[in-house]
């Protein structure tokens, strides 16, 4: 069974997870912690989690700043620096919402040393995914996909491996009702939420808000516990 160590800044939440209690009011999480066989522990010390890790999933907050038209990825950069100092051989998987081109820029900034894979889906999409996808074809991508498959409730989950250049062929639309522009970074802007839901097969969201709970099965978000304000 895969060993998982969660890192949090709040001691109370770390204690609850280690006592097999959910830090939030969520029936599914509570059931898993109380009744499922999990090789899971939580820690305050990043060193304890990163030191022997093969993969590090980064899921820190990255708030969107409408004035600069980008996401504040400083928390992600902080984790990258920490992982590089403790276990530079670990593969980092960025779940946080980051600006377009962030991983390539981060790799250049750290002299090409960090290894990145694509993100992972939200909790319910992880347990019942429609499809798993990776932004590269490699042994490590296959290994990580198998880890996600092992955590899924159903079997025979379709898995798609693509090169980064192939990702350009994926049609992207953006829901942003306050934007006057028809495009955002080359992607069509949709201002009607219901139309956006209908058009989208997968949705990347900074937060799992009530207005998209009805399509939570296709939402990918770093808001693991549906707790972000």
Protein backbone atom coordinates (compact mmCIF):
# COMPACT_ATOMS: atom_id res chain seq x y z
CA UNK A 1 0.00 0.00 0.00
CA UNK A 2 1.33 3.42 -0.99
CA UNK A 3 2.54 5.52 1.93
CA UNK A 4 1.18 9.07 1.98
CA UNK A 5 2.30 11.90 4.26
CA UNK A 6 0.25 15.10 4.31
CA UNK A 7 1.94 18.34 5.34
CA UNK A 8 -0.11 21.12 6.97
CA UNK A 9 0.67 24.31 8.84
CA UNK A 10 -2.11 23.85 11.42
CA UNK A 11 -1.25 21.53 14.29
CA UNK A 12 -4.89 20.83 15.17
CA UNK A 13 -5.67 19.56 11.68
CA UNK A 14 -2.53 17.41 11.64
CA UNK A 15 -3.62 15.88 14.94
CA UNK A 16 -7.12 15.16 13.67
CA UNK A 17 -5.86 13.39 10.56
CA UNK A 18 -3.46 11.27 12.62
CA UNK A 19 -6.41 10.39 14.91
CA UNK A 20 -8.35 9.34 11.79
CA UNK A 21 -10.79 12.25 12.07
CA UNK A 22 -11.71 14.66 9.31
CA UNK A 23 -10.65 18.29 9.88
CA UNK A 24 -13.78 19.42 7.98
CA UNK A 25 -17.43 18.41 7.88
CA UNK A 26 -17.37 15.89 5.01
CA UNK A 27 -19.10 12.52 5.23
CA UNK A 28 -16.94 10.83 2.59
CA UNK A 29 -13.64 11.93 4.12
CA UNK A 30 -14.86 10.99 7.59
CA UNK A 31 -15.85 7.52 6.38
CA UNK A 32 -12.49 6.95 4.68
CA UNK A 33 -10.49 8.04 7.69
CA UNK A 34 -12.57 6.01 10.13
CA UNK A 35 -13.21 2.83 8.17
CA UNK A 36 -10.78 2.41 5.28
CA UNK A 37 -7.34 0.85 5.39
CA UNK A 38 -5.06 3.81 4.71
CA UNK A 39 -1.31 4.19 4.93
CA UNK A 40 -1.70 7.88 5.79
CA UNK A 41 -0.14 10.22 8.30
CA UNK A 42 0.11 13.97 8.67
CA UNK A 43 3.06 16.11 9.75
CA UNK A 44 3.99 19.71 10.44
CA UNK A 45 7.60 19.19 9.43
CA UNK A 46 8.17 19.20 5.64
CA UNK A 47 11.45 17.35 6.10
CA UNK A 48 9.62 14.30 7.45
CA UNK A 49 7.37 14.23 4.39
CA UNK A 50 9.80 15.13 1.62
CA UNK A 51 12.93 13.27 2.67
CA UNK A 52 12.07 9.85 1.18
CA UNK A 53 9.23 10.87 -1.15
CA UNK A 54 9.11 9.74 -4.77
CA UNK A 55 6.35 12.25 -5.61
CA UNK A 56 5.42 15.52 -3.90
CA UNK A 57 1.96 16.89 -4.71
CA UNK A 58 1.89 20.66 -4.23
CA UNK A 59 -1.57 21.97 -3.31
CA UNK A 60 -1.01 25.39 -1.76
CA UNK A 61 -3.31 28.44 -2.20
CA UNK A 62 -2.67 30.68 -5.22
CA UNK A 63 -5.16 33.53 -5.13
CA UNK A 64 -6.02 35.30 -8.37
CA UNK A 65 -5.18 39.00 -8.53
CA UNK A 66 -7.45 40.78 -11.05
CA UNK A 67 -5.17 43.83 -11.03
CA UNK A 68 -2.14 41.88 -12.28
CA UNK A 69 -4.30 39.34 -14.17
CA UNK A 70 -2.37 36.41 -12.71
CA UNK A 71 -2.15 34.00 -9.78
CA UNK A 72 0.08 34.53 -6.76
CA UNK A 73 2.26 31.42 -6.92
CA UNK A 74 4.71 32.35 -4.18
CA UNK A 75 3.48 29.56 -1.92
CA UNK A 76 4.13 27.03 -4.70
CA UNK A 77 7.61 28.44 -5.24
CA UNK A 78 8.27 28.09 -1.52
CA UNK A 79 7.40 24.39 -1.59
CA UNK A 80 9.57 23.87 -4.68
CA UNK A 81 12.52 25.45 -2.91
CA UNK A 82 11.90 23.31 0.16
CA UNK A 83 11.69 20.08 -1.84
CA UNK A 84 14.83 20.98 -3.78
CA UNK A 85 16.76 21.49 -0.54
CA UNK A 86 15.51 18.30 1.11
CA UNK A 87 14.96 15.80 -1.71
CA UNK A 88 15.94 17.16 -5.15
CA UNK A 89 15.26 13.77 -6.76
CA UNK A 90 11.53 13.87 -5.99
CA UNK A 91 9.07 14.46 -8.82
CA UNK A 92 6.80 17.41 -8.04
CA UNK A 93 3.16 17.39 -9.13
CA UNK A 94 1.61 20.85 -9.05
CA UNK A 95 -2.05 20.71 -8.10
CA UNK A 96 -2.28 24.42 -7.29
CA UNK A 97 -3.68 26.77 -9.90
CA UNK A 98 -0.67 28.50 -11.46
CA UNK A 99 -0.16 30.93 -14.38
CA UNK A 100 0.28 29.59 -17.90
CA UNK A 101 3.91 28.61 -18.44
CA UNK A 102 4.69 28.51 -14.71
CA UNK A 103 6.31 25.06 -14.68
CA UNK A 104 8.60 25.84 -17.61
CA UNK A 105 9.60 29.14 -16.03
CA UNK A 106 10.19 27.48 -12.64
CA UNK A 107 12.32 24.80 -14.24
CA UNK A 108 14.50 27.46 -15.89
CA UNK A 109 14.75 29.43 -12.68
CA UNK A 110 16.06 26.37 -10.83
CA UNK A 111 18.50 25.48 -13.64
CA UNK A 112 16.24 22.77 -15.03
CA UNK A 113 16.58 20.63 -11.91
CA UNK A 114 12.95 20.34 -10.71
CA UNK A 115 10.95 17.51 -12.29
CA UNK A 116 7.28 18.35 -12.83
CA UNK A 117 4.25 16.34 -13.88
CA UNK A 118 0.74 17.57 -14.58
CA UNK A 119 -1.84 18.18 -11.85
CA UNK A 120 -4.25 15.82 -10.12
CA UNK A 121 -8.04 16.01 -9.89
CA UNK A 122 -10.24 17.03 -6.98
CA UNK A 123 -11.02 14.49 -4.29
CA UNK A 124 -14.26 13.15 -5.77
CA UNK A 125 -12.82 13.23 -9.29
CA UNK A 126 -9.86 11.25 -7.93
CA UNK A 127 -12.08 8.54 -6.46
CA UNK A 128 -14.38 8.35 -9.50
CA UNK A 129 -12.41 9.77 -12.46
CA UNK A 130 -13.71 9.71 -16.03
CA UNK A 131 -10.21 9.70 -17.40
CA UNK A 132 -6.66 10.17 -16.13
CA UNK A 133 -4.25 12.25 -18.19
CA UNK A 134 -0.57 13.15 -18.05
CA UNK A 135 1.37 15.88 -19.85
CA UNK A 136 4.21 13.56 -20.83
CA UNK A 137 4.98 10.02 -21.95
CA UNK A 138 7.45 8.50 -19.51
CA UNK A 139 7.95 5.75 -16.95
CA UNK A 140 7.40 8.18 -14.09
CA UNK A 141 4.14 9.39 -15.65
CA UNK A 142 2.93 5.80 -15.88
CA UNK A 143 3.95 5.17 -12.27
CA UNK A 144 2.01 8.19 -11.04
CA UNK A 145 -1.01 7.24 -13.15
CA UNK A 146 -0.98 3.79 -11.53
CA UNK A 147 -1.03 5.42 -8.10
CA UNK A 148 -4.14 7.36 -9.07
CA UNK A 149 -5.71 4.23 -10.54
CA UNK A 150 -5.09 2.37 -7.28
CA UNK A 151 -6.96 5.10 -5.40
CA UNK A 152 -9.98 5.07 -7.71
CA UNK A 153 -13.16 3.24 -6.73
CA UNK A 154 -13.75 1.84 -10.21
CA UNK A 155 -11.41 -0.29 -12.28
CA UNK A 156 -10.16 0.12 -15.85
CA UNK A 157 -9.98 3.92 -15.74
CA UNK A 158 -8.92 5.23 -19.19
CA UNK A 159 -5.49 6.87 -19.09
CA UNK A 160 -4.21 9.39 -21.64
CA UNK A 161 -0.51 10.19 -22.02
CA UNK A 162 0.38 13.16 -24.21
CA UNK A 163 3.41 15.25 -25.05
CA UNK A 164 3.32 18.87 -23.95
CA UNK A 165 2.95 19.99 -27.58
CA UNK A 166 -0.14 17.81 -28.00
CA UNK A 167 -1.83 19.63 -25.15
CA UNK A 168 -2.20 22.60 -27.47
CA UNK A 169 -4.82 20.61 -29.38
CA UNK A 170 -7.10 20.49 -26.33
CA UNK A 171 -9.89 23.03 -26.64
CA UNK A 172 -9.90 25.43 -23.69
CA UNK A 173 -12.65 27.86 -22.70
CA UNK A 174 -12.68 30.25 -19.74
CA UNK A 175 -15.62 31.26 -17.56
CA UNK A 176 -15.16 34.88 -16.47
CA UNK A 177 -18.30 37.04 -16.36
CA UNK A 178 -16.47 40.28 -15.54
CA UNK A 179 -14.04 40.24 -18.46
CA UNK A 180 -14.89 42.52 -21.36
CA UNK A 181 -12.46 40.75 -23.69
CA UNK A 182 -13.65 37.87 -25.87
CA UNK A 183 -10.43 35.94 -25.24
CA UNK A 184 -8.14 35.25 -22.27
CA UNK A 185 -4.60 34.16 -23.15
CA UNK A 186 -5.92 32.94 -26.51
CA UNK A 187 -8.88 31.02 -25.06
CA UNK A 188 -12.55 31.82 -25.62
CA UNK A 189 -14.25 33.61 -22.70
CA UNK A 190 -17.74 32.42 -21.73
CA UNK A 191 -19.82 34.66 -19.45
CA UNK A 192 -22.81 32.36 -18.99
CA UNK A 193 -22.14 29.75 -16.30
CA UNK A 194 -24.70 27.21 -17.50
CA UNK A 195 -23.31 27.39 -21.05
CA UNK A 196 -19.81 26.97 -19.64
CA UNK A 197 -20.90 23.84 -17.75
CA UNK A 198 -22.47 22.38 -20.88
CA UNK A 199 -19.45 23.10 -23.06
CA UNK A 200 -16.87 21.71 -20.65
CA UNK A 201 -15.87 18.07 -20.28
CA UNK A 202 -13.36 18.92 -17.53
CA UNK A 203 -13.23 22.07 -15.42
CA UNK A 204 -10.18 23.52 -13.66
CA UNK A 205 -11.29 25.66 -10.74
CA UNK A 206 -9.38 27.50 -8.07
CA UNK A 207 -12.15 26.63 -5.61
CA UNK A 208 -15.04 24.15 -5.50
CA UNK A 209 -17.82 26.69 -5.01
CA UNK A 210 -21.55 25.92 -4.53
CA UNK A 211 -22.44 27.01 -8.08
CA UNK A 212 -20.43 24.11 -9.54
CA UNK A 213 -21.30 21.43 -6.97
CA UNK A 214 -23.77 19.96 -9.47
CA UNK A 215 -20.85 19.06 -11.78
CA UNK A 216 -18.29 18.22 -9.09
CA UNK A 217 -17.50 14.92 -10.82
CA UNK A 218 -15.69 16.78 -13.59
CA UNK A 219 -14.09 19.55 -11.51
CA UNK A 220 -10.34 19.55 -10.94
CA UNK A 221 -9.24 21.83 -8.10
CA UNK A 222 -6.51 22.27 -5.50
CA UNK A 223 -9.33 22.93 -2.95
CA UNK A 224 -8.99 19.38 -1.57
CA UNK A 225 -11.31 19.81 1.39
CA UNK A 226 -13.78 22.31 -0.06
CA UNK A 227 -12.68 24.69 2.70
CA UNK A 228 -11.33 27.76 0.89
CA UNK A 229 -13.26 30.94 1.47
